[in-house]
Amino acid sequence: MGERQADDPPPYYTAHVFVCCNRRPDGHPKGSCAARGSEKLRDYMKVRAKEMGLRSVRVNSAGCLDRCEHGPCLVIYPEGVWYRIDTPAAVDKVLERHIRDGGRVPELLLPPETRGQSLA
């Protein structure tokens, strides 16, 4: 996968947020984001993004993002930045600092050892 080409159509969104909503069976050793409340957090994020007027942002459900033991988690593209979101306050921080202001939320970033590798 490379960088955008000059003749690519414009992107639909300035930010595309994928919230892991995968649900594994109860008792699975890795756990799952859905069992830790990711679906409610995704729903909250959708509502808050609209309330904040973030019109060019899309919040979607994702299947397994393979980081469930660190979840609930999400990834934001085009940057490819991963966060752990376990409360509505964490969602607010990501929307405000990352999406609206273009910064990062260091305290919510997934641990460095989980980036760029499969955790299968």
Protein backbone atom coordinates (compact mmCIF):
# COMPACT_ATOMS: atom_id res chain seq x y z
CA MET A 1 0.00 0.00 0.00
CA GLY A 2 1.47 3.31 -1.00
CA GLU A 3 0.75 6.98 -0.72
CA ARG A 4 -2.11 8.71 -2.46
CA GLN A 5 -1.67 9.21 -6.17
CA ALA A 6 -2.27 12.57 -7.86
CA ASP A 7 -5.24 11.21 -9.83
CA ASP A 8 -6.92 9.47 -6.86
CA PRO A 9 -10.42 10.75 -6.13
CA PRO A 10 -10.68 12.90 -3.00
CA PRO A 11 -11.26 10.93 0.20
CA TYR A 12 -14.81 10.71 1.52
CA TYR A 13 -13.65 11.43 5.07
CA THR A 14 -10.77 13.28 6.68
CA ALA A 15 -10.77 10.62 9.41
CA HIS A 16 -12.12 7.09 9.39
CA VAL A 17 -12.42 5.52 12.86
CA PHE A 18 -12.73 1.76 13.21
CA VAL A 19 -13.88 0.60 16.67
CA CYS A 20 -13.34 -3.08 17.39
CA CYS A 21 -16.69 -4.67 18.19
CA ASN A 22 -15.52 -8.27 17.99
CA ARG A 23 -17.08 -10.67 20.50
CA ARG A 24 -15.32 -13.88 21.44
CA PRO A 25 -16.91 -16.65 23.51
CA ASP A 26 -17.08 -16.01 27.25
CA GLY A 27 -13.91 -17.15 28.96
CA HIS A 28 -11.65 -16.78 25.91
CA PRO A 29 -8.10 -16.03 27.13
CA LYS A 30 -7.73 -12.91 24.94
CA GLY A 31 -11.10 -11.53 25.95
CA SER A 32 -12.90 -9.31 23.47
CA CYS A 33 -13.55 -5.65 22.92
CA ALA A 34 -17.33 -6.12 22.73
CA ALA A 35 -17.38 -7.91 26.10
CA ARG A 36 -15.56 -4.86 27.49
CA GLY A 37 -18.19 -2.43 26.20
CA SER A 38 -16.90 -1.35 22.80
CA GLU A 39 -20.33 -1.35 21.15
CA LYS A 40 -21.72 1.21 23.60
CA LEU A 41 -18.53 3.26 23.27
CA ARG A 42 -18.81 3.16 19.46
CA ASP A 43 -22.42 4.35 19.69
CA TYR A 44 -21.40 7.12 22.06
CA MET A 45 -18.57 8.15 19.72
CA LYS A 46 -20.96 8.43 16.78
CA VAL A 47 -23.32 10.67 18.75
CA ARG A 48 -20.50 12.82 20.17
CA ALA A 49 -18.87 13.30 16.76
CA LYS A 50 -22.16 14.66 15.43
CA GLU A 51 -22.70 16.83 18.51
CA MET A 52 -19.21 18.28 18.02
CA GLY A 53 -19.93 19.04 14.36
CA LEU A 54 -17.23 16.68 13.06
CA ARG A 55 -18.90 16.20 9.69
CA SER A 56 -16.05 14.64 7.70
CA VAL A 57 -15.47 11.84 10.21
CA ARG A 58 -16.86 8.33 9.91
CA VAL A 59 -17.08 6.05 12.95
CA ASN A 60 -17.53 2.40 12.01
CA SER A 61 -17.68 -0.95 13.71
CA ALA A 62 -14.83 -3.29 12.92
CA GLY A 63 -14.47 -6.98 13.32
CA CYS A 64 -11.45 -8.20 15.21
CA LEU A 65 -8.55 -5.75 15.04
CA ASP A 66 -6.34 -8.36 16.75
CA ARG A 67 -5.63 -6.22 19.82
CA CYS A 68 -8.47 -7.41 22.06
CA GLU A 69 -6.31 -8.05 25.09
CA HIS A 70 -5.66 -4.29 25.08
CA GLY A 71 -9.23 -3.31 24.28
CA PRO A 72 -11.62 -1.93 23.77
CA CYS A 73 -9.58 -0.39 21.00
CA LEU A 74 -9.89 1.61 17.81
CA VAL A 75 -7.71 2.69 14.92
CA ILE A 76 -7.94 5.99 13.06
CA TYR A 77 -7.04 6.29 9.38
CA PRO A 78 -5.43 7.70 7.37
CA GLU A 79 -2.85 8.02 10.16
CA GLY A 80 -3.11 4.45 11.44
CA VAL A 81 -3.06 5.56 15.10
CA TRP A 82 -4.32 3.04 17.67
CA TYR A 83 -6.04 3.90 20.95
CA ARG A 84 -7.54 2.09 23.91
CA ILE A 85 -10.92 3.59 24.78
CA ASP A 86 -12.56 2.23 27.92
CA THR A 87 -14.77 5.14 28.99
CA PRO A 88 -16.84 7.90 27.39
CA ALA A 89 -14.21 10.35 28.72
CA ALA A 90 -11.55 8.51 26.69
CA VAL A 91 -13.74 8.76 23.59
CA ASP A 92 -14.12 12.50 24.19
CA LYS A 93 -10.35 12.92 24.45
CA VAL A 94 -9.77 11.11 21.16
CA LEU A 95 -12.45 13.12 19.38
CA GLU A 96 -11.23 16.43 20.78
CA ARG A 97 -7.47 16.05 20.67
CA HIS A 98 -6.95 13.73 17.69
CA ILE A 99 -9.90 14.31 15.36
CA ARG A 100 -10.77 17.95 16.04
CA ASP A 101 -7.36 19.36 16.99
CA GLY A 102 -5.05 17.09 14.96
CA GLY A 103 -2.98 16.05 17.97
CA ARG A 104 -2.60 12.80 19.84
CA VAL A 105 -3.71 11.39 23.20
CA PRO A 106 -0.50 9.78 24.48
CA GLU A 107 -2.06 8.28 27.59
CA LEU A 108 -4.53 6.30 25.47
CA LEU A 109 -2.17 5.06 22.74
CA LEU A 110 -1.82 1.29 22.59
CA PRO A 111 1.47 0.08 24.07
CA PRO A 112 4.37 0.33 21.59
CA GLU A 113 4.97 -3.43 21.66
CA THR A 114 1.53 -4.00 20.06
CA ARG A 115 2.11 -1.76 17.04
CA GLY A 116 3.16 -3.19 13.71
CA GLN A 117 2.89 -6.82 14.68
CA SER A 118 0.24 -9.48 14.69
CA LEU A 119 -0.86 -10.62 18.10
CA ALA A 120 -2.47 -13.82 16.84
